């Protein structure tokens, strides 16, 4: 998590050693949140799940 000068936090998701693109989300996270990421391999969707 990184604090931004604009206010809310920015959460960065990085996958090392995987073929998935990194992405970020500005603001609060919520259970079930879905992010759509455009990469050179096409569109990928991620869902944030709290466990």
PDB file of N, CA and C in Angstrom:
ATOM      1  N   UNK A   1       0.844  -1.167   0.000  1.00  0.00           N
ATOM      2  CA  UNK A   1       0.000   0.000   0.000  1.00  0.00           C
ATOM      3  C   UNK A   1       0.895   1.237   0.000  1.00  0.00           C
ATOM      4  N   UNK A   2       0.520   2.209  -0.812  1.00  0.00           N
ATOM      5  CA  UNK A   2       1.236   3.469  -0.898  1.00  0.00           C
ATOM      6  C   UNK A   2       0.253   4.609  -0.686  1.00  0.00           C
ATOM      7  N   UNK A   3       0.611   5.563   0.163  1.00  0.00           N
ATOM      8  CA  UNK A   3      -0.235   6.746   0.321  1.00  0.00           C
ATOM      9  C   UNK A   3       0.044   7.681  -0.855  1.00  0.00           C
ATOM     10  N   UNK A   4      -1.014   8.260  -1.396  1.00  0.00           N
ATOM     11  CA  UNK A   4      -0.851   9.195  -2.502  1.00  0.00           C
ATOM     12  C   UNK A   4      -1.113  10.609  -2.012  1.00  0.00           C
ATOM     13  N   UNK A   5      -0.619  11.590  -2.746  1.00  0.00           N
ATOM     14  CA  UNK A   5      -0.832  12.982  -2.360  1.00  0.00           C
ATOM     15  C   UNK A   5      -2.283  13.392  -2.564  1.00  0.00           C
ATOM     16  N   UNK A   6      -3.025  12.655  -3.392  1.00  0.00           N
ATOM     17  CA  UNK A   6      -4.420  12.958  -3.653  1.00  0.00           C
ATOM     18  C   UNK A   6      -5.334  12.506  -2.519  1.00  0.00           C
ATOM     19  N   UNK A   7      -4.847  11.674  -1.614  1.00  0.00           N
ATOM     20  CA  UNK A   7      -5.666  11.230  -0.493  1.00  0.00           C
ATOM     21  C   UNK A   7      -5.626   9.737  -0.264  1.00  0.00           C
ATOM     22  N   UNK A   8      -6.589   8.975  -0.841  1.00  0.00           N
ATOM     23  CA  UNK A   8      -6.680   7.545  -0.547  1.00  0.00           C
ATOM     24  C   UNK A   8      -5.416   6.773  -0.939  1.00  0.00           C
ATOM     25  N   UNK A   9      -5.306   5.605  -0.398  1.00  0.00           N
ATOM     26  CA  UNK A   9      -4.142   4.755  -0.648  1.00  0.00           C
ATOM     27  C   UNK A   9      -4.200   4.144  -2.039  1.00  0.00           C
ATOM     28  N   UNK A  10      -3.052   3.753  -2.533  1.00  0.00           N
ATOM     29  CA  UNK A  10      -2.949   2.987  -3.772  1.00  0.00           C
ATOM     30  C   UNK A  10      -2.378   1.619  -3.407  1.00  0.00           C
ATOM     31  N   UNK A  11      -3.096   0.579  -3.781  1.00  0.00           N
ATOM     32  CA  UNK A  11      -2.648  -0.790  -3.550  1.00  0.00           C
ATOM     33  C   UNK A  11      -2.057  -1.317  -4.853  1.00  0.00           C
ATOM     34  N   UNK A  12      -0.827  -1.821  -4.779  1.00  0.00           N
ATOM     35  CA  UNK A  12      -0.142  -2.349  -5.953  1.00  0.00           C
ATOM     36  C   UNK A  12      -0.036  -3.855  -5.824  1.00  0.00           C
ATOM     37  N   UNK A  13      -0.436  -4.561  -6.875  1.00  0.00           N
ATOM     38  CA  UNK A  13      -0.382  -6.020  -6.918  1.00  0.00           C
ATOM     39  C   UNK A  13       0.659  -6.428  -7.945  1.00  0.00           C
ATOM     40  N   UNK A  14       1.710  -7.084  -7.482  1.00  0.00           N
ATOM     41  CA  UNK A  14       2.803  -7.501  -8.344  1.00  0.00           C
ATOM     42  C   UNK A  14       2.960  -9.010  -8.241  1.00  0.00           C
ATOM     43  N   UNK A  15       3.043  -9.664  -9.371  1.00  0.00           N
ATOM     44  CA  UNK A  15       3.185 -11.122  -9.408  1.00  0.00           C
ATOM     45  C   UNK A  15       4.568 -11.455  -9.951  1.00  0.00           C
ATOM     46  N   UNK A  16       5.483 -11.793  -9.064  1.00  0.00           N
ATOM     47  CA  UNK A  16       6.830 -12.143  -9.504  1.00  0.00           C
ATOM     48  C   UNK A  16       6.869 -13.616  -9.880  1.00  0.00           C
ATOM     49  N   UNK A  17       7.533 -13.917 -10.960  1.00  0.00           N
ATOM     50  CA  UNK A  17       7.658 -15.306 -11.395  1.00  0.00           C
ATOM     51  C   UNK A  17       6.389 -15.863 -12.010  1.00  0.00           C
ATOM     52  N   UNK A  18       5.432 -15.001 -12.333  1.00  0.00           N
ATOM     53  CA  UNK A  18       4.181 -15.443 -12.944  1.00  0.00           C
ATOM     54  C   UNK A  18       3.965 -14.693 -14.254  1.00  0.00           C
ATOM     55  N   UNK A  19       3.131 -15.219 -15.081  1.00  0.00           N
ATOM     56  CA  UNK A  19       2.845 -14.594 -16.373  1.00  0.00           C
ATOM     57  C   UNK A  19       1.641 -13.658 -16.284  1.00  0.00           C
ATOM     58  N   UNK A  20       1.415 -13.035 -15.129  1.00  0.00           N
ATOM     59  CA  UNK A  20       0.296 -12.128 -14.957  1.00  0.00           C
ATOM     60  C   UNK A  20       0.823 -10.704 -14.862  1.00  0.00           C
ATOM     61  N   UNK A  21       0.105  -9.749 -15.436  1.00  0.00           N
ATOM     62  CA  UNK A  21       0.560  -8.362 -15.345  1.00  0.00           C
ATOM     63  C   UNK A  21       0.324  -7.792 -13.946  1.00  0.00           C
ATOM     64  N   UNK A  22       1.176  -6.882 -13.552  1.00  0.00           N
ATOM     65  CA  UNK A  22       0.970  -6.158 -12.296  1.00  0.00           C
ATOM     66  C   UNK A  22      -0.130  -5.127 -12.519  1.00  0.00           C
ATOM     67  N   UNK A  23      -0.788  -4.726 -11.435  1.00  0.00           N
ATOM     68  CA  UNK A  23      -1.812  -3.689 -11.544  1.00  0.00           C
ATOM     69  C   UNK A  23      -1.949  -2.986 -10.214  1.00  0.00           C
ATOM     70  N   UNK A  24      -2.674  -1.860 -10.204  1.00  0.00           N
ATOM     71  CA  UNK A  24      -2.915  -1.138  -8.963  1.00  0.00           C
ATOM     72  C   UNK A  24      -4.379  -0.764  -8.867  1.00  0.00           C
ATOM     73  N   UNK A  25      -4.783  -0.443  -7.641  1.00  0.00           N
ATOM     74  CA  UNK A  25      -6.142   0.021  -7.372  1.00  0.00           C
ATOM     75  C   UNK A  25      -6.046   1.206  -6.434  1.00  0.00           C
ATOM     76  N   UNK A  26      -6.647   2.314  -6.821  1.00  0.00           N
ATOM     77  CA  UNK A  26      -6.674   3.506  -5.968  1.00  0.00           C
ATOM     78  C   UNK A  26      -7.918   3.472  -5.092  1.00  0.00           C
ATOM     79  N   UNK A  27      -7.749   3.759  -3.823  1.00  0.00           N
ATOM     80  CA  UNK A  27      -8.875   3.811  -2.900  1.00  0.00           C
ATOM     81  C   UNK A  27      -9.023   2.527  -2.114  1.00  0.00           C
ATOM     82  N   UNK A  28     -10.135   2.429  -1.407  1.00  0.00           N
ATOM     83  CA  UNK A  28     -10.380   1.294  -0.521  1.00  0.00           C
ATOM     84  C   UNK A  28     -10.634   0.011  -1.309  1.00  0.00           C
ATOM     85  N   UNK A  29     -10.215  -1.098  -0.724  1.00  0.00           N
ATOM     86  CA  UNK A  29     -10.506  -2.413  -1.294  1.00  0.00           C
ATOM     87  C   UNK A  29     -11.770  -2.957  -0.643  1.00  0.00           C
ATOM     88  N   UNK A  30     -12.535  -3.708  -1.409  1.00  0.00           N
ATOM     89  CA  UNK A  30     -13.712  -4.357  -0.845  1.00  0.00           C
ATOM     90  C   UNK A  30     -13.737  -5.811  -1.288  1.00  0.00           C
ATOM     91  N   UNK A  31     -14.320  -6.652  -0.465  1.00  0.00           N
ATOM     92  CA  UNK A  31     -14.395  -8.077  -0.769  1.00  0.00           C
ATOM     93  C   UNK A  31     -15.219  -8.282  -2.044  1.00  0.00           C
ATOM     94  N   UNK A  32     -14.651  -9.011  -2.997  1.00  0.00           N
ATOM     95  CA  UNK A  32     -15.337  -9.287  -4.253  1.00  0.00           C
ATOM     96  C   UNK A  32     -15.046  -8.277  -5.348  1.00  0.00           C
ATOM     97  N   UNK A  33     -14.242  -7.258  -5.039  1.00  0.00           N
ATOM     98  CA  UNK A  33     -13.883  -6.248  -6.029  1.00  0.00           C
ATOM     99  C   UNK A  33     -13.268  -6.914  -7.253  1.00  0.00           C
ATOM    100  N   UNK A  34     -13.690  -6.519  -8.448  1.00  0.00           N
ATOM    101  CA  UNK A  34     -13.120  -7.070  -9.677  1.00  0.00           C
ATOM    102  C   UNK A  34     -12.354  -5.978 -10.417  1.00  0.00           C
ATOM    103  N   UNK A  35     -11.171  -6.328 -10.889  1.00  0.00           N
ATOM    104  CA  UNK A  35     -10.335  -5.422 -11.671  1.00  0.00           C
ATOM    105  C   UNK A  35     -10.119  -6.046 -13.040  1.00  0.00           C
ATOM    106  N   UNK A  36     -10.231  -5.249 -14.075  1.00  0.00           N
ATOM    107  CA  UNK A  36      -9.941  -5.687 -15.433  1.00  0.00           C
ATOM    108  C   UNK A  36      -8.618  -5.067 -15.840  1.00  0.00           C
ATOM    109  N   UNK A  37      -7.685  -5.902 -16.309  1.00  0.00           N
ATOM    110  CA  UNK A  37      -6.338  -5.457 -16.645  1.00  0.00           C
ATOM    111  C   UNK A  37      -6.078  -5.767 -18.109  1.00  0.00           C
ATOM    112  N   UNK A  38      -5.622  -4.760 -18.846  1.00  0.00           N
ATOM    113  CA  UNK A  38      -5.237  -4.950 -20.241  1.00  0.00           C
ATOM    114  C   UNK A  38      -3.744  -5.263 -20.283  1.00  0.00           C
ATOM    115  N   UNK A  39      -3.372  -6.336 -20.965  1.00  0.00           N
ATOM    116  CA  UNK A  39      -1.965  -6.702 -21.101  1.00  0.00           C
ATOM    117  C   UNK A  39      -1.690  -7.075 -22.553  1.00  0.00           C
ATOM    118  N   UNK A  40      -0.447  -7.368 -22.860  1.00  0.00           N
ATOM    119  CA  UNK A  40      -0.109  -7.762 -24.233  1.00  0.00           C
ATOM    120  C   UNK A  40      -0.749  -9.095 -24.590  1.00  0.00           C
ATOM    121  N   UNK A  41      -1.167  -9.856 -23.594  1.00  0.00           N
ATOM    122  CA  UNK A  41      -1.841 -11.139 -23.826  1.00  0.00           C
ATOM    123  C   UNK A  41      -3.357 -10.996 -23.891  1.00  0.00           C
ATOM    124  N   UNK A  42      -3.865  -9.764 -23.820  1.00  0.00           N
ATOM    125  CA  UNK A  42      -5.307  -9.545 -23.856  1.00  0.00           C
ATOM    126  C   UNK A  42      -5.838  -9.120 -22.498  1.00  0.00           C
ATOM    127  N   UNK A  43      -7.132  -9.190 -22.358  1.00  0.00           N
ATOM    128  CA  UNK A  43      -7.807  -8.769 -21.130  1.00  0.00           C
ATOM    129  C   UNK A  43      -7.759  -9.875 -20.082  1.00  0.00           C
ATOM    130  N   UNK A  44      -7.396  -9.492 -18.860  1.00  0.00           N
ATOM    131  CA  UNK A  44      -7.416 -10.425 -17.740  1.00  0.00           C
ATOM    132  C   UNK A  44      -8.246  -9.796 -16.629  1.00  0.00           C
ATOM    133  N   UNK A  45      -8.983 -10.617 -15.898  1.00  0.00           N
ATOM    134  CA  UNK A  45      -9.793 -10.136 -14.781  1.00  0.00           C
ATOM    135  C   UNK A  45      -9.282 -10.745 -13.482  1.00  0.00           C
ATOM    136  N   UNK A  46      -9.261  -9.913 -12.445  1.00  0.00           N
ATOM    137  CA  UNK A  46      -8.850 -10.343 -11.114  1.00  0.00           C
ATOM    138  C   UNK A  46      -9.959  -9.991 -10.136  1.00  0.00           C
ATOM    139  N   UNK A  47     -10.155 -10.862  -9.168  1.00  0.00           N
ATOM    140  CA  UNK A  47     -11.136 -10.589  -8.122  1.00  0.00           C
ATOM    141  C   UNK A  47     -10.419 -10.598  -6.772  1.00  0.00           C
ATOM    142  N   UNK A  48     -10.658  -9.567  -5.986  1.00  0.00           N
ATOM    143  CA  UNK A  48     -10.065  -9.448  -4.645  1.00  0.00           C
ATOM    144  C   UNK A  48     -11.004 -10.150  -3.661  1.00  0.00           C
ATOM    145  N   UNK A  49     -10.480 -11.155  -2.969  1.00  0.00           N
ATOM    146  CA  UNK A  49     -11.265 -11.889  -1.982  1.00  0.00           C
ATOM    147  C   UNK A  49     -10.553 -11.831  -0.639  1.00  0.00           C
ATOM    148  N   UNK A  50     -11.276 -11.438   0.383  1.00  0.00           N
ATOM    149  CA  UNK A  50     -10.730 -11.436   1.735  1.00  0.00           C
ATOM    150  C   UNK A  50     -10.960 -12.817   2.339  1.00  0.00           C
ATOM    151  N   UNK A  51      -9.959 -13.357   2.967  1.00  0.00           N
ATOM    152  CA  UNK A  51     -10.070 -14.674   3.595  1.00  0.00           C
ATOM    153  C   UNK A  51      -9.733 -14.576   5.051  1.00  0.00           C
TER     154      UNK A  51
END
